[in-house]
C-alpha cells in the first residue's frame, strides 16, 4: 500500500476524527480538512489555555491532532461551496465524518449520496452512541456513561474525569484499524463501504479487565485511586526520604520477593498475610504501611536500584520532566500553521526493522 497515493477528505471536528486524519497524513496521504467558515472553523481552534495568544488562529489543543493537512474553509449552506467539497470527495479514497444524526442527509454528504459520485469511497464515521442516536456526545459524556469516571479518583472524593480525552483517542484508534483492514481486504478491487465507530462502543471495549471482573464475578469497581483491584502492591504511591513520589508494578510474587529483599524485609514475602497475591490485595493497607516505613528511609535513587534488580518501579513525573528526555523530544512534530510555530506528539510511534 502506497499511502502517498491516498487522498483523505476530513469533515470531522474536535479530536477523534481529526486524529485519524493526522494518522494518515503522517503516513504520507494527502489530507484536506474542511472547516465551517461560518463558525470560524473547527471549534477546538478556540479551545485555548488562559496563557495562549488570543489573536492566534489556532490553539495548542487544535494542533494536537492537526498536522500536515490542507485547511479549507467552506460554507456548506452555500451550494457553490458544497459542490466544491463534493468534487474533492469524488477524487478521494477516504472521507472522515462525525455529523450529528440527519445533518449528513441535509447536506447531501451522507454515505448513500456520496457512494453514487464515488463508487470506491471509504466513508468512515464516528458517532457518540451509535448511528441511530441523536445525542450530542463529547468525551466527558462517554467517560461518565461508560463507567470510567465512576472508577477514577479517590474513594473519599467524587468521580473524576481522566485528564486526556481518552475515549476520543480510543475511538480514533478503532476507526484507523477499520480503515486499514478495509484497505488491506479490498486491495486494488476497491468498492464503496461505510465504516462506523461509536465512542460508547470504543469505551466499553476498553474496559478490558474491569469489564471481565464485573461480568464474571459481579464485582462493581470502586474508586481506589491509582491502586489496582486485582494486584498489590500495584499503583500505591510511596514517598521517599527526599520527598519524591514513586510507585511499583508488582505483577508477580517474584517481584514482591525482590522488593522485600531490597528493603531488608525479606521475611515479609513469606508472611501468610502477603505470601500470595490475593492475600496482599486483602491486606493492602497493612502492607502499604510496612513498605512505606522502609521506603521513607531511602531517597529516590531507589527507583533505579529496584529496576536494576528486576522490580518494575517509576518516579511520578510531571510533563515538564517527561519532555526533558531525549526519547520524548524525538516524538515531537513541528509545523508552521497560519504563521504559528506548532508542536504535537507523533501518533505513529512504532519502529520497523529489516
Protein backbone atom coordinates (compact mmCIF):
# COMPACT_ATOMS: atom_id res chain seq x y z
CA UNK A 1 0.00 0.00 0.00
CA UNK A 2 1.43 3.34 -1.10
CA UNK A 3 -0.09 5.79 1.36
CA UNK A 4 1.36 8.70 -0.60
CA UNK A 5 -1.28 8.00 -3.24
CA UNK A 6 -4.19 8.18 -0.80
CA UNK A 7 -6.43 11.23 -0.64
CA UNK A 8 -8.43 11.86 2.53
CA UNK A 9 -11.17 14.46 2.97
CA UNK A 10 -11.74 15.26 6.64
CA UNK A 11 -15.16 16.63 7.52
CA UNK A 12 -14.74 15.73 11.20
CA UNK A 13 -14.00 18.09 14.06
CA UNK A 14 -12.69 18.15 17.65
CA UNK A 15 -10.37 15.18 18.39
CA UNK A 16 -11.39 11.64 17.41
CA UNK A 17 -11.94 12.20 13.69
CA UNK A 18 -9.05 14.64 13.21
CA UNK A 19 -6.72 12.17 14.96
CA UNK A 20 -7.49 9.70 12.17
CA UNK A 21 -6.77 12.37 9.56
CA UNK A 22 -3.44 13.15 11.20
CA UNK A 23 -2.57 9.44 11.27
CA UNK A 24 -2.96 9.19 7.51
CA UNK A 25 -1.12 12.49 7.00
CA UNK A 26 1.83 11.06 8.92
CA UNK A 27 1.73 8.01 6.66
CA UNK A 28 2.08 10.34 3.67
CA UNK A 29 -1.52 10.69 2.49
CA UNK A 30 -2.92 13.97 1.19
CA UNK A 31 -5.38 15.13 3.85
CA UNK A 32 -7.76 18.01 3.19
CA UNK A 33 -9.56 19.28 6.27
CA UNK A 34 -12.85 21.04 5.56
CA UNK A 35 -13.83 23.54 8.26
CA UNK A 36 -17.02 25.51 8.82
CA UNK A 37 -16.38 29.02 7.52
CA UNK A 38 -19.43 30.45 9.30
CA UNK A 39 -18.27 29.36 12.77
CA UNK A 40 -14.60 30.17 12.32
CA UNK A 41 -13.51 26.60 11.71
CA UNK A 42 -13.03 23.60 13.97
CA UNK A 43 -14.32 24.58 17.41
CA UNK A 44 -11.05 23.50 19.02
CA UNK A 45 -9.26 26.42 17.36
CA UNK A 46 -10.82 28.45 20.20
CA UNK A 47 -10.11 25.95 22.99
CA UNK A 48 -7.19 27.92 24.41
CA UNK A 49 -5.40 27.95 27.71
CA UNK A 50 -5.63 31.26 29.52
CA UNK A 51 -1.96 31.82 28.70
CA UNK A 52 -2.32 31.33 24.92
CA UNK A 53 -2.28 34.15 22.38
CA UNK A 54 -5.87 35.32 21.94
CA UNK A 55 -5.17 36.59 18.42
CA UNK A 56 -3.81 33.28 17.16
CA UNK A 57 -5.91 31.35 14.66
CA UNK A 58 -5.03 28.05 16.31
CA UNK A 59 -4.88 26.61 19.82
CA UNK A 60 -2.49 24.04 21.23
CA UNK A 61 -5.48 21.69 21.54
CA UNK A 62 -6.29 22.05 17.83
CA UNK A 63 -2.66 21.45 16.90
CA UNK A 64 -2.50 18.20 18.87
CA UNK A 65 -4.38 16.29 16.14
CA UNK A 66 -3.91 18.56 13.13
CA UNK A 67 -0.64 18.20 11.29
CA UNK A 68 0.42 18.17 7.65
CA UNK A 69 -3.10 18.88 6.42
CA UNK A 70 -4.52 21.34 3.91
CA UNK A 71 -7.13 23.54 5.60
CA UNK A 72 -10.10 24.74 3.54
CA UNK A 73 -12.88 26.87 4.99
CA UNK A 74 -16.27 26.27 3.37
CA UNK A 75 -19.83 27.37 3.99
CA UNK A 76 -21.71 24.13 3.48
CA UNK A 77 -25.02 26.01 3.31
CA UNK A 78 -23.82 27.63 0.10
CA UNK A 79 -24.32 25.40 -2.94
CA UNK A 80 -21.09 26.58 -4.54
CA UNK A 81 -19.00 25.50 -1.55
CA UNK A 82 -20.93 22.27 -1.16
CA UNK A 83 -20.24 21.42 -4.79
CA UNK A 84 -16.52 22.05 -4.25
CA UNK A 85 -16.49 19.66 -1.31
CA UNK A 86 -18.30 17.01 -3.34
CA UNK A 87 -15.73 17.47 -6.10
CA UNK A 88 -12.98 16.78 -3.58
CA UNK A 89 -14.78 13.67 -2.34
CA UNK A 90 -15.28 12.49 -5.92
CA UNK A 91 -11.49 12.15 -6.21
CA UNK A 92 -10.86 10.94 -2.64
CA UNK A 93 -10.20 7.50 -1.22
CA UNK A 94 -11.45 8.18 2.30
CA UNK A 95 -13.87 10.67 3.83
CA UNK A 96 -13.94 11.18 7.61
CA UNK A 97 -17.12 12.49 9.25
CA UNK A 98 -18.71 12.96 12.68
CA UNK A 99 -22.04 14.51 11.74
CA UNK A 100 -24.98 14.71 14.11
CA UNK A 101 -27.73 12.33 13.03
CA UNK A 102 -29.52 13.75 10.00
CA UNK A 103 -27.06 16.55 9.24
CA UNK A 104 -25.26 14.41 6.67
CA UNK A 105 -28.50 13.83 4.77
CA UNK A 106 -29.49 17.52 4.92
CA UNK A 107 -26.16 18.46 3.36
CA UNK A 108 -26.15 15.65 0.85
CA UNK A 109 -22.94 14.33 2.40
CA UNK A 110 -24.36 11.02 3.61
CA UNK A 111 -22.95 7.68 2.52
CA UNK A 112 -25.77 6.78 0.12
CA UNK A 113 -25.32 10.07 -1.75
CA UNK A 114 -21.53 10.06 -1.82
CA UNK A 115 -21.12 6.48 -2.99
CA UNK A 116 -23.07 7.45 -6.12
CA UNK A 117 -20.48 10.09 -7.02
CA UNK A 118 -17.55 7.95 -5.84
CA UNK A 119 -18.20 4.19 -6.01
CA UNK A 120 -14.83 3.48 -4.35
CA UNK A 121 -15.12 5.78 -1.34
CA UNK A 122 -14.42 4.59 2.20
CA UNK A 123 -16.91 6.54 4.30
CA UNK A 124 -15.58 6.48 7.87
CA UNK A 125 -17.88 7.89 10.55
CA UNK A 126 -17.53 8.48 14.28
CA UNK A 127 -20.69 8.75 16.37
CA UNK A 128 -21.35 9.18 20.07
CA UNK A 129 -23.86 6.44 20.85
CA UNK A 130 -24.36 4.73 17.50
CA UNK A 131 -25.84 5.55 14.11
CA UNK A 132 -29.41 5.96 15.35
CA UNK A 133 -28.73 8.17 18.37
CA UNK A 134 -29.39 11.90 18.18
CA UNK A 135 -27.42 12.71 21.34
CA UNK A 136 -24.54 15.16 21.14
CA UNK A 137 -21.54 13.37 22.59
CA UNK A 138 -18.29 14.73 23.94
CA UNK A 139 -15.56 12.63 25.52
CA UNK A 140 -16.63 13.68 29.03
CA UNK A 141 -20.17 12.39 28.45
CA UNK A 142 -18.80 9.00 27.45
CA UNK A 143 -16.40 8.88 30.39
CA UNK A 144 -19.42 9.42 32.61
CA UNK A 145 -21.74 6.91 30.95
CA UNK A 146 -19.25 4.12 30.24
CA UNK A 147 -18.16 3.64 33.84
CA UNK A 148 -14.71 5.21 33.57
CA UNK A 149 -15.47 8.19 35.79
CA UNK A 150 -17.10 6.05 38.47
CA UNK A 151 -13.82 4.16 38.85
CA UNK A 152 -11.47 7.13 38.65
CA UNK A 153 -10.42 9.16 41.68
CA UNK A 154 -10.04 8.64 45.41
CA UNK A 155 -12.66 6.75 47.41
CA UNK A 156 -13.44 9.80 49.55
CA UNK A 157 -13.81 12.16 46.58
CA UNK A 158 -16.33 12.50 43.73
CA UNK A 159 -15.74 10.67 40.42
CA UNK A 160 -13.02 12.26 38.31
CA UNK A 161 -12.64 12.54 34.56
CA UNK A 162 -9.37 11.49 33.00
CA UNK A 163 -7.10 14.43 32.07
CA UNK A 164 -6.93 13.33 28.42
CA UNK A 165 -9.92 12.81 26.11
CA UNK A 166 -9.07 9.14 26.12
CA UNK A 167 -12.40 7.87 24.76
CA UNK A 168 -11.90 10.08 21.69
CA UNK A 169 -8.37 8.72 21.31
CA UNK A 170 -9.57 5.12 21.61
CA UNK A 171 -12.39 5.65 19.10
CA UNK A 172 -9.87 7.17 16.71
CA UNK A 173 -7.72 4.06 17.01
CA UNK A 174 -10.75 1.86 16.32
CA UNK A 175 -11.52 3.80 13.15
CA UNK A 176 -7.89 3.73 11.97
CA UNK A 177 -7.92 -0.05 12.36
CA UNK A 178 -11.20 -0.37 10.49
CA UNK A 179 -9.94 1.71 7.56
CA UNK A 180 -6.61 -0.12 7.36
CA UNK A 181 -8.38 -3.51 7.45
CA UNK A 182 -10.71 -2.38 4.67
CA UNK A 183 -7.80 -1.13 2.53
CA UNK A 184 -5.98 -4.42 3.06
CA UNK A 185 -9.08 -6.51 2.39
CA UNK A 186 -10.07 -4.71 -0.80
CA UNK A 187 -6.62 -4.27 -2.32
CA UNK A 188 -6.93 -2.94 -5.86
CA UNK A 189 -10.56 -4.06 -6.19
CA UNK A 190 -12.00 -1.11 -4.38
CA UNK A 191 -15.69 -0.56 -3.74
CA UNK A 192 -17.62 1.86 -1.55
CA UNK A 193 -18.06 0.92 2.08
CA UNK A 194 -19.35 2.65 5.20
CA UNK A 195 -17.45 2.15 8.45
CA UNK A 196 -18.83 3.43 11.74
CA UNK A 197 -17.35 3.55 15.23
CA UNK A 198 -19.17 4.89 18.28
CA UNK A 199 -17.49 6.47 21.27
CA UNK A 200 -19.68 4.31 23.52
CA UNK A 201 -18.63 1.02 21.95
CA UNK A 202 -14.98 2.11 21.94
CA UNK A 203 -15.18 2.98 25.63
CA UNK A 204 -16.74 -0.34 26.62
CA UNK A 205 -14.25 -2.28 24.50
CA UNK A 206 -11.50 -0.56 26.50
CA UNK A 207 -12.81 -1.57 29.93
CA UNK A 208 -10.98 -4.91 29.44
CA UNK A 209 -10.17 -6.41 32.88
CA UNK A 210 -12.64 -4.15 34.73
CA UNK A 211 -15.44 -5.36 32.45
CA UNK A 212 -14.45 -9.00 32.91
CA UNK A 213 -14.21 -8.56 36.68
CA UNK A 214 -17.85 -7.46 36.66
CA UNK A 215 -19.13 -9.88 34.01
CA UNK A 216 -17.54 -12.93 35.64
CA UNK A 217 -17.86 -12.14 39.35
CA UNK A 218 -20.40 -9.33 39.70
CA UNK A 219 -17.68 -7.12 41.21
CA UNK A 220 -18.56 -3.43 40.76
CA UNK A 221 -15.28 -1.47 40.86
CA UNK A 222 -14.99 1.39 43.31
CA UNK A 223 -12.69 4.38 43.28
CA UNK A 224 -9.38 3.31 44.79
CA UNK A 225 -7.08 6.00 43.42
CA UNK A 226 -4.17 4.60 41.43
CA UNK A 227 -4.32 1.18 43.10
CA UNK A 228 -5.16 -1.99 41.15
CA UNK A 229 -8.24 -4.05 42.14
CA UNK A 230 -6.54 -7.36 41.29
CA UNK A 231 -2.88 -6.84 42.25
CA UNK A 232 -0.96 -5.46 45.24
CA UNK A 233 1.23 -3.57 45.66
CA UNK A 234 0.47 -2.08 42.25
CA UNK A 235 -0.09 1.65 41.88
CA UNK A 236 0.21 2.59 45.55
CA UNK A 237 2.06 5.90 45.87
CA UNK A 238 5.06 5.97 48.20
CA UNK A 239 7.14 8.94 49.33
CA UNK A 240 10.92 8.72 49.58
CA UNK A 241 13.20 10.37 52.10
CA UNK A 242 13.88 13.24 49.67
CA UNK A 243 10.17 13.89 49.10
CA UNK A 244 9.80 12.24 45.70
CA UNK A 245 6.74 10.17 44.83
CA UNK A 246 7.30 6.69 43.42
CA UNK A 247 5.23 3.64 42.54
CA UNK A 248 5.67 -0.07 41.79
CA UNK A 249 4.03 -2.56 39.43
CA UNK A 250 4.40 -5.80 41.38
CA UNK A 251 2.99 -8.20 38.81
CA UNK A 252 4.32 -11.44 40.29
CA UNK A 253 5.36 -12.96 43.60
CA UNK A 254 8.95 -12.91 42.35
CA UNK A 255 8.71 -9.12 42.03
CA UNK A 256 7.38 -8.94 45.57
CA UNK A 257 10.16 -11.14 46.94
CA UNK A 258 12.81 -8.98 45.26
CA UNK A 259 11.21 -5.79 46.60
CA UNK A 260 11.17 -7.14 50.14
CA UNK A 261 14.75 -8.38 49.89
CA UNK A 262 15.92 -4.99 48.61
CA UNK A 263 14.19 -3.22 51.50
CA UNK A 264 15.73 -5.61 54.02
CA UNK A 265 12.42 -7.20 55.00
CA UNK A 266 12.70 -10.44 53.04
CA UNK A 267 10.67 -12.33 55.64
CA UNK A 268 7.57 -10.34 54.60
CA UNK A 269 7.34 -12.36 51.38
CA UNK A 270 6.70 -15.49 53.45
CA UNK A 271 4.27 -13.89 55.89
CA UNK A 272 0.86 -15.58 55.39
CA UNK A 273 -0.77 -12.14 55.03
CA UNK A 274 1.34 -11.37 51.96
CA UNK A 275 2.65 -14.71 50.68
CA UNK A 276 0.43 -14.70 47.59
CA UNK A 277 -1.30 -12.01 45.60
CA UNK A 278 -4.89 -12.46 46.79
CA UNK A 279 -3.77 -12.08 50.39
CA UNK A 280 -1.78 -8.98 49.50
CA UNK A 281 -4.88 -7.48 47.89
CA UNK A 282 -6.94 -8.29 51.00
CA UNK A 283 -4.30 -6.80 53.33
CA UNK A 284 -3.06 -4.00 51.11
CA UNK A 285 -3.45 -1.19 53.68
CA UNK A 286 -1.32 -3.01 56.24
CA UNK A 287 1.20 -3.87 53.53
CA UNK A 288 1.37 -0.25 52.42
CA UNK A 289 2.29 0.92 55.92
CA UNK A 290 5.05 -1.67 56.23
CA UNK A 291 6.54 -0.79 52.84
CA UNK A 292 6.23 2.98 53.33
CA UNK A 293 8.09 2.71 56.62
CA UNK A 294 11.12 1.28 54.81
CA UNK A 295 10.88 3.42 51.68
CA UNK A 296 10.84 6.61 53.75
CA UNK A 297 14.40 5.75 54.81
CA UNK A 298 15.67 5.83 51.21
CA UNK A 299 15.97 8.56 48.58
CA UNK A 300 14.54 8.45 45.05
CA UNK A 301 17.57 6.56 43.72
CA UNK A 302 15.62 3.57 44.96
CA UNK A 303 13.80 3.54 41.61
CA UNK A 304 16.94 2.96 39.54
CA UNK A 305 18.23 0.39 42.01
CA UNK A 306 14.95 -1.54 42.06
CA UNK A 307 14.73 -1.59 38.27
CA UNK A 308 18.27 -2.97 38.16
CA UNK A 309 17.24 -5.93 40.31
CA UNK A 310 14.07 -6.58 38.29
CA UNK A 311 11.39 -4.74 40.24
CA UNK A 312 9.24 -2.55 37.91
CA UNK A 313 9.43 0.89 39.51
CA UNK A 314 8.94 4.51 38.49
CA UNK A 315 9.20 8.07 39.68
CA UNK A 316 5.98 10.01 39.17
CA UNK A 317 6.94 12.74 36.72
CA UNK A 318 5.26 15.97 35.64
CA UNK A 319 5.03 16.77 31.93
CA UNK A 320 7.91 19.22 32.05
CA UNK A 321 10.08 16.43 33.44
CA UNK A 322 8.81 13.99 30.81
CA UNK A 323 9.69 16.26 27.89
CA UNK A 324 13.19 16.90 29.19
CA UNK A 325 14.14 13.44 27.97
CA UNK A 326 15.65 12.87 24.53
CA UNK A 327 13.24 9.98 23.97
CA UNK A 328 10.22 12.26 24.40
CA UNK A 329 11.70 15.03 22.26
CA UNK A 330 12.21 12.53 19.43
CA UNK A 331 8.43 12.11 19.25
CA UNK A 332 7.66 15.81 18.77
CA UNK A 333 6.44 17.01 15.36
CA UNK A 334 6.77 20.68 14.48
CA UNK A 335 4.93 22.63 11.80
CA UNK A 336 4.02 26.21 10.97
CA UNK A 337 0.23 26.71 10.73
CA UNK A 338 -1.10 30.13 9.80
CA UNK A 339 2.18 31.71 10.84
CA UNK A 340 2.20 29.97 14.22
CA UNK A 341 5.00 27.59 15.24
CA UNK A 342 3.16 24.50 16.46
CA UNK A 343 4.13 21.26 18.15
CA UNK A 344 2.48 17.94 18.91
CA UNK A 345 3.42 14.34 19.62
CA UNK A 346 3.50 11.81 16.79
CA UNK A 347 0.53 9.49 16.50
CA UNK A 348 2.65 6.79 14.82
CA UNK A 349 5.36 5.57 17.15
CA UNK A 350 6.10 2.01 16.09
CA UNK A 351 9.55 1.13 14.72
CA UNK A 352 10.24 -1.18 11.80
CA UNK A 353 13.42 -3.22 11.33
CA UNK A 354 14.64 -5.31 8.38
